[in-house]
Amino acid sequence: MPPYYPVGKLPAEDLDRILRRHASGSDPRLLVGPGIGRDAAVISFGSSVLVTKTDPITFATEEIGWYAVNINANDVAAMGAAPRWFLTTILLPEAKTSPELVDSIFSGLSRACAELGVTLCGGHTEITHGLDRPLLIGQMLGETTPDGYVSGSGARVGDRILLTKGIAIEATALIAMEKGDEVRARFSDEFLETCRRYLRRPGLSVVKDARLAMETGGVHAMHDPTEGGLASGLREIAVASGVGMLIEEDQVPLLPESDALCAYYGLDPLGTIASGALLIVVDPDRAAPVAARLSEAGIPVAAIGSVRPPEFGIRIRRKGSLVDLPAFDRDEIGKVFEAS
């Protein structure tokens, strides 16, 4: 029997090998193509650049339309662009799709687009054989100036690493929505509702975070840590940029509800799906102004580490000792859903 991949992203080394072999386009207008640590593609249009991203929603079923818009907008924003236009393919389960389900999905899409100033401009919808739940694949298009974008490969030795809001925010909301009865029984109604509100407080969107950081200046790289959590996001930036990193674990923000749920389900927060946080790698002289600008706007931010030479490795200071940053073959949240 051949070996099979587990649920989740392809291993980074395999994906890198495949992309190098099969996705090395030669169009000179492609300024940023596919690669590890790159949130979106960048295409030149002369006086502007188009930033485009596609991402599916596979864990969430509740609020799936709202999710799809925000998750794709985050990746465009992490490249320094303003999200503008959204398309989606909606695949719906046979014998389980009601008019009410379709209306709720489109209501979520519409609401999220309105909140972000994005136009829903196309897509495809169908009832699909073999599905047990809705799946949405989104594509977000954004734009900026030719010198107004960054990627996950721009980190430089000496840069500071900032993180907004905290880790496992998306995981907290997902678990609350998909495992509500379990969470209520273990904790309380009030705890469950607080976790459900994580979608909007502190929120999954990092569009504002990214815009303020770019406006302040000095940003060399940004990344939206999703599957694989903070640890995977940091590793992707380091590998793409050819640098090392030192992370201070005691500086990484983890909100109390996220901490409690990760502990209850046996999840390592560093490897748990983390939309809502934005990694910002910034010139050391601009780290304080960027942090101040975010704080003034009501966005919590923490300085969690620095960029080191590649020979330093990707390391984390944990309880006073320097160890290698953990690597996760798949997102920790898979443990919650495989037990269903």
C-alpha atoms as a PDB file:
ATOM      1  CA  MET A   1       0.000   0.000   0.000  1.00  0.00           C
ATOM      2  CA  PRO A   2       1.476   3.415  -0.923  1.00  0.00           C
ATOM      3  CA  PRO A   3       2.029   6.014   1.815  1.00  0.00           C
ATOM      4  CA  TYR A   4      -0.752   8.574   2.157  1.00  0.00           C
ATOM      5  CA  TYR A   5      -0.628  12.134   3.438  1.00  0.00           C
ATOM      6  CA  PRO A   6      -2.624  12.968   6.601  1.00  0.00           C
ATOM      7  CA  VAL A   7      -5.392  15.572   6.621  1.00  0.00           C
ATOM      8  CA  GLY A   8      -4.066  19.132   6.321  1.00  0.00           C
ATOM      9  CA  LYS A   9      -1.482  20.975   4.276  1.00  0.00           C
ATOM     10  CA  LEU A  10       1.074  19.098   2.246  1.00  0.00           C
ATOM     11  CA  PRO A  11       4.436  18.904   4.053  1.00  0.00           C
ATOM     12  CA  ALA A  12       6.372  22.067   3.216  1.00  0.00           C
ATOM     13  CA  GLU A  13       9.348  20.212   1.734  1.00  0.00           C
ATOM     14  CA  ASP A  14       7.079  18.218  -0.601  1.00  0.00           C
ATOM     15  CA  LEU A  15       5.115  21.278  -1.646  1.00  0.00           C
ATOM     16  CA  ASP A  16       8.327  23.204  -2.317  1.00  0.00           C
ATOM     17  CA  ARG A  17       9.635  20.383  -4.510  1.00  0.00           C
ATOM     18  CA  ILE A  18       6.359  20.160  -6.453  1.00  0.00           C
ATOM     19  CA  LEU A  19       6.135  23.915  -6.998  1.00  0.00           C
ATOM     20  CA  ARG A  20       9.717  24.122  -8.220  1.00  0.00           C
ATOM     21  CA  ARG A  21       9.052  21.359 -10.711  1.00  0.00           C
ATOM     22  CA  HIS A  22       5.598  22.295 -11.965  1.00  0.00           C
ATOM     23  CA  ALA A  23       4.885  25.975 -11.187  1.00  0.00           C
ATOM     24  CA  SER A  24       7.915  27.895 -12.427  1.00  0.00           C
ATOM     25  CA  GLY A  25       6.081  30.286 -14.750  1.00  0.00           C
ATOM     26  CA  SER A  26       8.152  32.590 -16.933  1.00  0.00           C
ATOM     27  CA  ASP A  27       5.707  35.498 -17.374  1.00  0.00           C
ATOM     28  CA  PRO A  28       7.727  38.610 -16.402  1.00  0.00           C
ATOM     29  CA  ARG A  29       4.555  40.269 -15.084  1.00  0.00           C
ATOM     30  CA  LEU A  30       4.345  37.658 -12.311  1.00  0.00           C
ATOM     31  CA  LEU A  31       6.217  39.500  -9.562  1.00  0.00           C
ATOM     32  CA  VAL A  32       5.488  37.025  -6.751  1.00  0.00           C
ATOM     33  CA  GLY A  33       4.565  33.470  -7.654  1.00  0.00           C
ATOM     34  CA  PRO A  34       3.781  30.356  -5.621  1.00  0.00           C
ATOM     35  CA  GLY A  35       6.144  29.424  -2.820  1.00  0.00           C
ATOM     36  CA  ILE A  36       6.462  28.588   0.861  1.00  0.00           C
ATOM     37  CA  GLY A  37       5.525  31.558   3.054  1.00  0.00           C
ATOM     38  CA  ARG A  38       3.881  33.513   0.249  1.00  0.00           C
ATOM     39  CA  ASP A  39       0.298  34.407   1.076  1.00  0.00           C
ATOM     40  CA  ALA A  40      -0.742  35.468  -2.440  1.00  0.00           C
ATOM     41  CA  ALA A  41       0.439  36.038  -6.008  1.00  0.00           C
ATOM     42  CA  VAL A  42       1.384  39.497  -7.285  1.00  0.00           C
ATOM     43  CA  ILE A  43       0.907  40.433 -10.963  1.00  0.00           C
ATOM     44  CA  SER A  44       2.051  43.683 -12.557  1.00  0.00           C
ATOM     45  CA  PHE A  45      -0.455  45.931 -14.317  1.00  0.00           C
ATOM     46  CA  GLY A  46       1.957  48.783 -14.919  1.00  0.00           C
ATOM     47  CA  SER A  47       0.838  51.597 -12.626  1.00  0.00           C
ATOM     48  CA  SER A  48      -0.650  49.094 -10.140  1.00  0.00           C
ATOM     49  CA  VAL A  49      -0.276  45.471  -9.112  1.00  0.00           C
ATOM     50  CA  LEU A  50      -2.963  42.831  -8.711  1.00  0.00           C
ATOM     51  CA  VAL A  51      -2.697  40.653  -5.602  1.00  0.00           C
ATOM     52  CA  THR A  52      -4.715  37.442  -5.816  1.00  0.00           C
ATOM     53  CA  LYS A  53      -5.365  34.571  -3.434  1.00  0.00           C
ATOM     54  CA  THR A  54      -7.506  31.431  -3.321  1.00  0.00           C
ATOM     55  CA  ASP A  55      -8.270  29.507  -0.140  1.00  0.00           C
ATOM     56  CA  PRO A  56     -10.932  26.951   0.858  1.00  0.00           C
ATOM     57  CA  ILE A  57     -12.971  26.702   4.046  1.00  0.00           C
ATOM     58  CA  THR A  58     -12.969  23.071   5.139  1.00  0.00           C
ATOM     59  CA  PHE A  59     -13.409  22.993   8.941  1.00  0.00           C
ATOM     60  CA  ALA A  60     -16.197  25.505   9.566  1.00  0.00           C
ATOM     61  CA  THR A  61     -19.824  24.897   8.608  1.00  0.00           C
ATOM     62  CA  GLU A  62     -21.483  27.664  10.619  1.00  0.00           C
ATOM     63  CA  GLU A  63     -20.782  31.170   9.228  1.00  0.00           C
ATOM     64  CA  ILE A  64     -18.918  29.532   6.333  1.00  0.00           C
ATOM     65  CA  GLY A  65     -19.656  32.373   3.898  1.00  0.00           C
ATOM     66  CA  TRP A  66     -18.377  35.016   6.322  1.00  0.00           C
ATOM     67  CA  TYR A  67     -15.306  32.869   6.969  1.00  0.00           C
ATOM     68  CA  ALA A  68     -14.479  32.489   3.278  1.00  0.00           C
ATOM     69  CA  VAL A  69     -14.373  36.213   2.619  1.00  0.00           C
ATOM     70  CA  ASN A  70     -12.322  37.062   5.694  1.00  0.00           C
ATOM     71  CA  ILE A  71      -9.779  34.256   5.370  1.00  0.00           C
ATOM     72  CA  ASN A  72      -9.031  35.174   1.764  1.00  0.00           C
ATOM     73  CA  ALA A  73      -8.982  38.913   2.516  1.00  0.00           C
ATOM     74  CA  ASN A  74      -6.396  38.305   5.240  1.00  0.00           C
ATOM     75  CA  ASP A  75      -3.908  36.780   2.817  1.00  0.00           C
ATOM     76  CA  VAL A  76      -4.261  39.656   0.353  1.00  0.00           C
ATOM     77  CA  ALA A  77      -3.858  42.183   3.180  1.00  0.00           C
ATOM     78  CA  ALA A  78      -0.760  40.350   4.446  1.00  0.00           C
ATOM     79  CA  MET A  79       0.863  41.173   1.103  1.00  0.00           C
ATOM     80  CA  GLY A  80       0.189  44.867   1.729  1.00  0.00           C
ATOM     81  CA  ALA A  81      -2.760  45.194  -0.664  1.00  0.00           C
ATOM     82  CA  ALA A  82      -6.366  46.316  -0.194  1.00  0.00           C
ATOM     83  CA  PRO A  83      -8.896  43.496  -0.814  1.00  0.00           C
ATOM     84  CA  ARG A  84     -11.354  44.587  -3.525  1.00  0.00           C
ATOM     85  CA  TRP A  85     -13.124  41.762  -5.390  1.00  0.00           C
ATOM     86  CA  PHE A  86     -14.254  38.286  -4.318  1.00  0.00           C
ATOM     87  CA  LEU A  87     -15.286  35.177  -6.224  1.00  0.00           C
ATOM     88  CA  THR A  88     -16.342  31.855  -4.730  1.00  0.00           C
ATOM     89  CA  THR A  89     -17.112  28.279  -5.688  1.00  0.00           C
ATOM     90  CA  ILE A  90     -19.775  26.821  -3.392  1.00  0.00           C
ATOM     91  CA  LEU A  91     -20.078  23.032  -3.267  1.00  0.00           C
ATOM     92  CA  LEU A  92     -23.170  21.830  -1.414  1.00  0.00           C
ATOM     93  CA  PRO A  93     -24.027  18.324  -0.140  1.00  0.00           C
ATOM     94  CA  GLU A  94     -26.538  16.156  -1.962  1.00  0.00           C
ATOM     95  CA  ALA A  95     -29.829  15.567  -0.087  1.00  0.00           C
ATOM     96  CA  LYS A  96     -28.785  17.988   2.670  1.00  0.00           C
ATOM     97  CA  THR A  97     -29.053  21.390   0.966  1.00  0.00           C
ATOM     98  CA  SER A  98     -32.130  23.479   1.746  1.00  0.00           C
ATOM     99  CA  PRO A  99     -33.034  26.953   0.480  1.00  0.00           C
ATOM    100  CA  GLU A 100     -32.381  28.185   4.021  1.00  0.00           C
ATOM    101  CA  LEU A 101     -28.807  26.829   3.952  1.00  0.00           C
ATOM    102  CA  VAL A 102     -28.068  28.515   0.628  1.00  0.00           C
ATOM    103  CA  ASP A 103     -29.556  31.787   1.827  1.00  0.00           C
ATOM    104  CA  SER A 104     -27.510  31.701   5.040  1.00  0.00           C
ATOM    105  CA  ILE A 105     -24.269  31.131   3.112  1.00  0.00           C
ATOM    106  CA  PHE A 106     -24.929  34.013   0.738  1.00  0.00           C
ATOM    107  CA  SER A 107     -26.026  36.219   3.633  1.00  0.00           C
ATOM    108  CA  GLY A 108     -22.651  35.593   5.289  1.00  0.00           C
ATOM    109  CA  LEU A 109     -20.796  36.320   2.059  1.00  0.00           C
ATOM    110  CA  SER A 110     -22.695  39.558   1.565  1.00  0.00           C
ATOM    111  CA  ARG A 111     -22.252  40.710   5.157  1.00  0.00           C
ATOM    112  CA  ALA A 112     -18.495  40.065   5.165  1.00  0.00           C
ATOM    113  CA  CYS A 113     -17.999  41.801   1.826  1.00  0.00           C
ATOM    114  CA  ALA A 114     -19.913  44.840   3.059  1.00  0.00           C
ATOM    115  CA  GLU A 115     -17.821  45.004   6.250  1.00  0.00           C
ATOM    116  CA  LEU A 116     -14.564  44.994   4.260  1.00  0.00           C
ATOM    117  CA  GLY A 117     -15.649  47.122   1.293  1.00  0.00           C
ATOM    118  CA  VAL A 118     -15.268  44.149  -1.046  1.00  0.00           C
ATOM    119  CA  THR A 119     -17.441  43.440  -4.112  1.00  0.00           C
ATOM    120  CA  LEU A 120     -18.784  39.913  -4.661  1.00  0.00           C
ATOM    121  CA  CYS A 121     -18.236  39.667  -8.395  1.00  0.00           C
ATOM    122  CA  GLY A 122     -18.664  36.050  -9.477  1.00  0.00           C
ATOM    123  CA  GLY A 123     -18.286  32.350  -8.833  1.00  0.00           C
ATOM    124  CA  HIS A 124     -20.096  29.034  -9.149  1.00  0.00           C
ATOM    125  CA  THR A 125     -22.639  27.131  -7.029  1.00  0.00           C
ATOM    126  CA  GLU A 126     -23.648  23.466  -7.281  1.00  0.00           C
ATOM    127  CA  ILE A 127     -25.002  20.447  -5.400  1.00  0.00           C
ATOM    128  CA  THR A 128     -22.112  17.966  -5.360  1.00  0.00           C
ATOM    129  CA  HIS A 129     -22.247  14.195  -4.927  1.00  0.00           C
ATOM    130  CA  GLY A 130     -20.247  12.697  -2.074  1.00  0.00           C
ATOM    131  CA  LEU A 131     -20.077  15.662   0.306  1.00  0.00           C
ATOM    132  CA  ASP A 132     -21.301  15.559   3.894  1.00  0.00           C
ATOM    133  CA  ARG A 133     -21.071  19.331   4.458  1.00  0.00           C
ATOM    134  CA  PRO A 134     -20.746  22.556   2.440  1.00  0.00           C
ATOM    135  CA  LEU A 135     -17.313  23.479   1.092  1.00  0.00           C
ATOM    136  CA  LEU A 136     -16.393  26.977  -0.103  1.00  0.00           C
ATOM    137  CA  ILE A 137     -13.370  27.895  -2.183  1.00  0.00           C
ATOM    138  CA  GLY A 138     -12.794  31.621  -2.310  1.00  0.00           C
ATOM    139  CA  GLN A 139     -10.680  33.860  -4.492  1.00  0.00           C
ATOM    140  CA  MET A 140      -9.871  37.386  -3.364  1.00  0.00           C
ATOM    141  CA  LEU A 141      -8.393  40.032  -5.645  1.00  0.00           C
ATOM    142  CA  GLY A 142      -6.725  43.154  -4.303  1.00  0.00           C
ATOM    143  CA  GLU A 143      -4.535  45.954  -5.549  1.00  0.00           C
ATOM    144  CA  THR A 144      -1.747  48.244  -4.483  1.00  0.00           C
ATOM    145  CA  THR A 145       1.076  50.256  -6.019  1.00  0.00           C
ATOM    146  CA  PRO A 146       4.150  48.623  -7.596  1.00  0.00           C
ATOM    147  CA  ASP A 147       6.217  49.461  -4.509  1.00  0.00           C
ATOM    148  CA  GLY A 148       3.402  48.894  -2.020  1.00  0.00           C
ATOM    149  CA  TYR A 149       3.527  45.147  -1.471  1.00  0.00           C
ATOM    150  CA  VAL A 150       5.559  42.823   0.729  1.00  0.00           C
ATOM    151  CA  SER A 151       5.772  39.041   0.937  1.00  0.00           C
ATOM    152  CA  GLY A 152       6.721  36.396   3.442  1.00  0.00           C
ATOM    153  CA  SER A 153      10.224  36.191   1.982  1.00  0.00           C
ATOM    154  CA  GLY A 154      11.442  39.681   2.916  1.00  0.00           C
ATOM    155  CA  ALA A 155      12.663  39.150   6.487  1.00  0.00           C
ATOM    156  CA  ARG A 156      16.154  40.516   7.201  1.00  0.00           C
ATOM    157  CA  VAL A 157      18.644  39.709   9.938  1.00  0.00           C
ATOM    158  CA  GLY A 158      18.062  42.112  12.843  1.00  0.00           C
ATOM    159  CA  ASP A 159      14.361  42.640  12.146  1.00  0.00           C
ATOM    160  CA  ARG A 160      11.873  42.475  14.998  1.00  0.00           C
ATOM    161  CA  ILE A 161       8.893  40.113  14.927  1.00  0.00           C
ATOM    162  CA  LEU A 162       5.523  41.473  16.063  1.00  0.00           C
ATOM    163  CA  LEU A 163       2.291  39.524  16.527  1.00  0.00           C
ATOM    164  CA  THR A 164      -1.171  41.040  16.735  1.00  0.00           C
ATOM    165  CA  LYS A 165      -4.029  39.879  18.974  1.00  0.00           C
ATOM    166  CA  GLY A 166      -2.937  36.364  19.941  1.00  0.00           C
ATOM    167  CA  ILE A 167      -2.741  32.748  18.839  1.00  0.00           C
ATOM    168  CA  ALA A 168      -5.436  30.061  18.413  1.00  0.00           C
ATOM    169  CA  ILE A 169      -8.164  32.693  17.932  1.00  0.00           C
ATOM    170  CA  GLU A 170      -9.687  30.890  14.956  1.00  0.00           C
ATOM    171  CA  ALA A 171      -9.410  27.544  16.731  1.00  0.00           C
ATOM    172  CA  THR A 172     -11.312  28.949  19.704  1.00  0.00           C
ATOM    173  CA  ALA A 173     -14.203  30.141  17.535  1.00  0.00           C
ATOM    174  CA  LEU A 174     -14.243  26.936  15.461  1.00  0.00           C
ATOM    175  CA  ILE A 175     -14.364  24.643  18.470  1.00  0.00           C
ATOM    176  CA  ALA A 176     -17.116  26.719  20.068  1.00  0.00           C
ATOM    177  CA  MET A 177     -19.240  26.619  16.910  1.00  0.00           C
ATOM    178  CA  GLU A 178     -18.660  22.985  15.960  1.00  0.00           C
ATOM    179  CA  LYS A 179     -18.427  21.454  19.469  1.00  0.00           C
ATOM    180  CA  GLY A 180     -20.814  23.742  21.319  1.00  0.00           C
ATOM    181  CA  ASP A 181     -22.499  21.078  23.446  1.00  0.00           C
ATOM    182  CA  GLU A 182     -19.161  19.696  24.635  1.00  0.00           C
ATOM    183  CA  VAL A 183     -17.796  23.132  25.457  1.00  0.00           C
ATOM    184  CA  ARG A 184     -20.956  24.144  27.321  1.00  0.00           C
ATOM    185  CA  ALA A 185     -20.947  20.926  29.360  1.00  0.00           C
ATOM    186  CA  ARG A 186     -17.271  21.263  30.313  1.00  0.00           C
ATOM    187  CA  PHE A 187     -17.256  25.015  30.973  1.00  0.00           C
ATOM    188  CA  SER A 188     -20.437  27.152  30.924  1.00  0.00           C
ATOM    189  CA  ASP A 189     -22.930  28.919  28.687  1.00  0.00           C
ATOM    190  CA  GLU A 190     -21.106  32.200  29.262  1.00  0.00           C
ATOM    191  CA  PHE A 191     -17.737  30.667  28.350  1.00  0.00           C
ATOM    192  CA  LEU A 192     -19.197  29.176  25.153  1.00  0.00           C
ATOM    193  CA  GLU A 193     -20.696  32.482  24.038  1.00  0.00           C
ATOM    194  CA  THR A 194     -17.424  34.303  24.711  1.00  0.00           C
ATOM    195  CA  CYS A 195     -15.596  31.792  22.509  1.00  0.00           C
ATOM    196  CA  ARG A 196     -18.175  32.072  19.735  1.00  0.00           C
ATOM    197  CA  ARG A 197     -17.696  35.848  19.754  1.00  0.00           C
ATOM    198  CA  TYR A 198     -13.982  35.356  19.000  1.00  0.00           C
ATOM    199  CA  LEU A 199     -14.997  35.545  15.327  1.00  0.00           C
ATOM    200  CA  ARG A 200     -15.400  39.291  15.797  1.00  0.00           C
ATOM    201  CA  ARG A 201     -13.763  39.999  19.188  1.00  0.00           C
ATOM    202  CA  PRO A 202     -10.789  39.884  18.953  1.00  0.00           C
ATOM    203  CA  GLY A 203     -11.791  38.898  15.403  1.00  0.00           C
ATOM    204  CA  LEU A 204     -10.440  36.871  12.501  1.00  0.00           C
ATOM    205  CA  SER A 205      -9.767  39.806  10.199  1.00  0.00           C
ATOM    206  CA  VAL A 206      -6.243  41.234   9.991  1.00  0.00           C
ATOM    207  CA  VAL A 207      -7.019  43.646   7.164  1.00  0.00           C
ATOM    208  CA  LYS A 208      -6.849  46.687   9.445  1.00  0.00           C
ATOM    209  CA  ASP A 209      -3.740  45.355  11.221  1.00  0.00           C
ATOM    210  CA  ALA A 210      -1.894  45.020   7.920  1.00  0.00           C
ATOM    211  CA  ARG A 211      -3.017  48.399   6.579  1.00  0.00           C
ATOM    212  CA  LEU A 212      -1.855  50.272   9.670  1.00  0.00           C
ATOM    213  CA  ALA A 213       1.499  48.485   9.703  1.00  0.00           C
ATOM    214  CA  MET A 214       2.121  49.287   6.049  1.00  0.00           C
ATOM    215  CA  GLU A 215       1.111  52.928   6.511  1.00  0.00           C
ATOM    216  CA  THR A 216       3.576  53.275   9.388  1.00  0.00           C
ATOM    217  CA  GLY A 217       6.439  51.895   7.321  1.00  0.00           C
ATOM    218  CA  GLY A 218       9.488  49.708   7.782  1.00  0.00           C
ATOM    219  CA  VAL A 219       7.632  46.425   7.213  1.00  0.00           C
ATOM    220  CA  HIS A 220       9.754  43.823   5.426  1.00  0.00           C
ATOM    221  CA  ALA A 221       7.411  40.818   5.616  1.00  0.00           C
ATOM    222  CA  MET A 222       3.968  39.871   6.874  1.00  0.00           C
ATOM    223  CA  HIS A 223       2.242  36.520   7.147  1.00  0.00           C
ATOM    224  CA  ASP A 224      -1.203  35.316   8.147  1.00  0.00           C
ATOM    225  CA  PRO A 225      -0.600  32.158  10.240  1.00  0.00           C
ATOM    226  CA  THR A 226      -3.464  29.766   9.482  1.00  0.00           C
ATOM    227  CA  GLU A 227      -3.138  25.977   9.344  1.00  0.00           C
ATOM    228  CA  GLY A 228      -0.242  24.786  11.453  1.00  0.00           C
ATOM    229  CA  GLY A 229      -0.546  27.831  13.686  1.00  0.00           C
ATOM    230  CA  LEU A 230       2.081  30.337  14.728  1.00  0.00           C
ATOM    231  CA  ALA A 231       4.956  27.834  14.602  1.00  0.00           C
ATOM    232  CA  SER A 232       4.252  26.959  10.969  1.00  0.00           C
ATOM    233  CA  GLY A 233       3.819  30.614  10.014  1.00  0.00           C
ATOM    234  CA  LEU A 234       7.154  31.564  11.561  1.00  0.00           C
ATOM    235  CA  ARG A 235       8.908  28.622   9.925  1.00  0.00           C
ATOM    236  CA  GLU A 236       7.455  29.538   6.520  1.00  0.00           C
ATOM    237  CA  ILE A 237       8.793  33.097   6.775  1.00  0.00           C
ATOM    238  CA  ALA A 238      12.207  31.883   7.934  1.00  0.00           C
ATOM    239  CA  VAL A 239      12.536  29.299   5.158  1.00  0.00           C
ATOM    240  CA  ALA A 240      11.281  31.682   2.464  1.00  0.00           C
ATOM    241  CA  SER A 241      13.647  34.436   3.626  1.00  0.00           C
ATOM    242  CA  GLY A 242      16.660  32.213   4.291  1.00  0.00           C
ATOM    243  CA  VAL A 243      17.009  33.402   7.898  1.00  0.00           C
ATOM    244  CA  GLY A 244      16.923  32.115  11.456  1.00  0.00           C
ATOM    245  CA  MET A 245      14.674  33.283  14.283  1.00  0.00           C
ATOM    246  CA  LEU A 246      14.616  33.573  18.049  1.00  0.00           C
ATOM    247  CA  ILE A 247      11.127  33.494  19.573  1.00  0.00           C
ATOM    248  CA  GLU A 248      10.355  34.318  23.199  1.00  0.00           C
ATOM    249  CA  GLU A 249       7.550  31.959  24.200  1.00  0.00           C
ATOM    250  CA  ASP A 250       6.556  33.966  27.271  1.00  0.00           C
ATOM    251  CA  GLN A 251       5.860  36.974  25.021  1.00  0.00           C
ATOM    252  CA  VAL A 252       3.437  35.106  22.718  1.00  0.00           C
ATOM    253  CA  PRO A 253      -0.113  36.218  23.642  1.00  0.00           C
ATOM    254  CA  LEU A 254      -2.642  33.451  24.362  1.00  0.00           C
ATOM    255  CA  LEU A 255      -6.094  34.559  25.496  1.00  0.00           C
ATOM    256  CA  PRO A 256      -7.603  32.714  28.496  1.00  0.00           C
ATOM    257  CA  GLU A 257     -10.420  30.986  26.602  1.00  0.00           C
ATOM    258  CA  SER A 258      -7.986  29.789  23.931  1.00  0.00           C
ATOM    259  CA  ASP A 259      -5.647  28.519  26.627  1.00  0.00           C
ATOM    260  CA  ALA A 260      -8.470  26.630  28.353  1.00  0.00           C
ATOM    261  CA  LEU A 261      -9.787  24.980  25.179  1.00  0.00           C
ATOM    262  CA  CYS A 262      -6.318  23.972  23.984  1.00  0.00           C
ATOM    263  CA  ALA A 263      -5.620  22.413  27.374  1.00  0.00           C
ATOM    264  CA  TYR A 264      -8.965  20.565  27.442  1.00  0.00           C
ATOM    265  CA  TYR A 265      -8.552  19.079  23.957  1.00  0.00           C
ATOM    266  CA  GLY A 266      -4.812  18.440  24.327  1.00  0.00           C
ATOM    267  CA  LEU A 267      -3.720  20.914  21.641  1.00  0.00           C
ATOM    268  CA  ASP A 268      -0.393  22.736  21.475  1.00  0.00           C
ATOM    269  CA  PRO A 269      -1.390  26.389  20.909  1.00  0.00           C
ATOM    270  CA  LEU A 270       1.739  27.000  18.821  1.00  0.00           C
ATOM    271  CA  GLY A 271       0.491  24.536  16.195  1.00  0.00           C
ATOM    272  CA  THR A 272      -3.212  25.382  16.253  1.00  0.00           C
ATOM    273  CA  ILE A 273      -4.973  27.248  13.437  1.00  0.00           C
ATOM    274  CA  ALA A 274      -4.394  30.929  14.098  1.00  0.00           C
ATOM    275  CA  SER A 275      -6.283  33.271  11.776  1.00  0.00           C
ATOM    276  CA  GLY A 276      -6.861  36.552  13.585  1.00  0.00           C
ATOM    277  CA  ALA A 277      -3.167  36.993  14.321  1.00  0.00           C
ATOM    278  CA  LEU A 278      -0.815  38.802  11.959  1.00  0.00           C
ATOM    279  CA  LEU A 279       2.940  38.270  11.924  1.00  0.00           C
ATOM    280  CA  ILE A 280       4.768  41.508  11.102  1.00  0.00           C
ATOM    281  CA  VAL A 281       8.514  41.456  10.475  1.00  0.00           C
ATOM    282  CA  VAL A 282       9.775  45.018  10.687  1.00  0.00           C
ATOM    283  CA  ASP A 283      12.975  47.037  10.688  1.00  0.00           C
ATOM    284  CA  PRO A 284      14.203  47.341  14.293  1.00  0.00           C
ATOM    285  CA  ASP A 285      14.015  51.147  14.141  1.00  0.00           C
ATOM    286  CA  ARG A 286      10.358  50.989  13.078  1.00  0.00           C
ATOM    287  CA  ALA A 287       9.130  48.266  15.428  1.00  0.00           C
ATOM    288  CA  ALA A 288       8.123  50.674  18.192  1.00  0.00           C
ATOM    289  CA  PRO A 289       6.202  53.071  15.879  1.00  0.00           C
ATOM    290  CA  VAL A 290       4.351  50.157  14.235  1.00  0.00           C
ATOM    291  CA  ALA A 291       3.437  48.718  17.635  1.00  0.00           C
ATOM    292  CA  ALA A 292       2.316  52.131  18.871  1.00  0.00           C
ATOM    293  CA  ARG A 293       0.139  52.708  15.793  1.00  0.00           C
ATOM    294  CA  LEU A 294      -1.585  49.352  16.254  1.00  0.00           C
ATOM    295  CA  SER A 295      -2.089  49.893  19.973  1.00  0.00           C
ATOM    296  CA  GLU A 296      -3.567  53.351  19.400  1.00  0.00           C
ATOM    297  CA  ALA A 297      -6.104  51.719  17.062  1.00  0.00           C
ATOM    298  CA  GLY A 298      -7.108  49.246  19.764  1.00  0.00           C
ATOM    299  CA  ILE A 299      -5.258  46.279  18.242  1.00  0.00           C
ATOM    300  CA  PRO A 300      -3.192  44.359  20.822  1.00  0.00           C
ATOM    301  CA  VAL A 301       0.360  43.672  19.660  1.00  0.00           C
ATOM    302  CA  ALA A 302       3.369  41.934  21.180  1.00  0.00           C
ATOM    303  CA  ALA A 303       7.049  41.814  20.275  1.00  0.00           C
ATOM    304  CA  ILE A 304       7.726  38.067  20.234  1.00  0.00           C
ATOM    305  CA  GLY A 305      11.228  37.742  18.802  1.00  0.00           C
ATOM    306  CA  SER A 306      13.864  38.727  16.304  1.00  0.00           C
ATOM    307  CA  VAL A 307      15.357  37.577  13.015  1.00  0.00           C
ATOM    308  CA  ARG A 308      18.771  35.910  13.297  1.00  0.00           C
ATOM    309  CA  PRO A 309      21.339  34.604  10.787  1.00  0.00           C
ATOM    310  CA  PRO A 310      20.374  31.310   9.151  1.00  0.00           C
ATOM    311  CA  GLU A 311      22.995  29.316  11.047  1.00  0.00           C
ATOM    312  CA  PHE A 312      21.220  30.233  14.321  1.00  0.00           C
ATOM    313  CA  GLY A 313      18.275  28.073  13.322  1.00  0.00           C
ATOM    314  CA  ILE A 314      14.628  28.621  14.174  1.00  0.00           C
ATOM    315  CA  ARG A 315      14.575  28.518  17.943  1.00  0.00           C
ATOM    316  CA  ILE A 316      12.321  29.367  20.846  1.00  0.00           C
ATOM    317  CA  ARG A 317      13.233  30.326  24.408  1.00  0.00           C
ATOM    318  CA  ARG A 318      11.074  28.061  26.570  1.00  0.00           C
ATOM    319  CA  LYS A 319      11.317  28.195  30.361  1.00  0.00           C
ATOM    320  CA  GLY A 320      14.803  29.667  30.132  1.00  0.00           C
ATOM    321  CA  SER A 321      16.183  27.153  27.621  1.00  0.00           C
ATOM    322  CA  LEU A 322      16.727  27.568  23.890  1.00  0.00           C
ATOM    323  CA  VAL A 323      15.156  24.731  21.880  1.00  0.00           C
ATOM    324  CA  ASP A 324      14.153  24.243  18.270  1.00  0.00           C
ATOM    325  CA  LEU A 325      10.765  25.710  17.394  1.00  0.00           C
ATOM    326  CA  PRO A 326       8.290  22.805  17.246  1.00  0.00           C
ATOM    327  CA  ALA A 327       7.274  21.594  13.787  1.00  0.00           C
ATOM    328  CA  PHE A 328       3.752  20.350  13.113  1.00  0.00           C
ATOM    329  CA  ASP A 329       3.014  17.919  10.291  1.00  0.00           C
ATOM    330  CA  ARG A 330      -0.655  18.866  10.518  1.00  0.00           C
ATOM    331  CA  ASP A 331      -2.742  21.390  12.394  1.00  0.00           C
ATOM    332  CA  GLU A 332      -3.434  20.485  16.005  1.00  0.00           C
ATOM    333  CA  ILE A 333      -7.158  21.184  15.605  1.00  0.00           C
ATOM    334  CA  GLY A 334      -7.428  17.969  13.594  1.00  0.00           C
ATOM    335  CA  LYS A 335      -7.351  16.124  16.925  1.00  0.00           C
ATOM    336  CA  VAL A 336     -10.687  17.713  17.845  1.00  0.00           C
ATOM    337  CA  PHE A 337     -12.507  16.765  14.672  1.00  0.00           C
ATOM    338  CA  GLU A 338     -11.076  13.293  14.117  1.00  0.00           C
ATOM    339  CA  ALA A 339     -12.492  12.297  17.497  1.00  0.00           C
ATOM    340  CA  SER A 340     -16.046  13.058  16.318  1.00  0.00           C
END
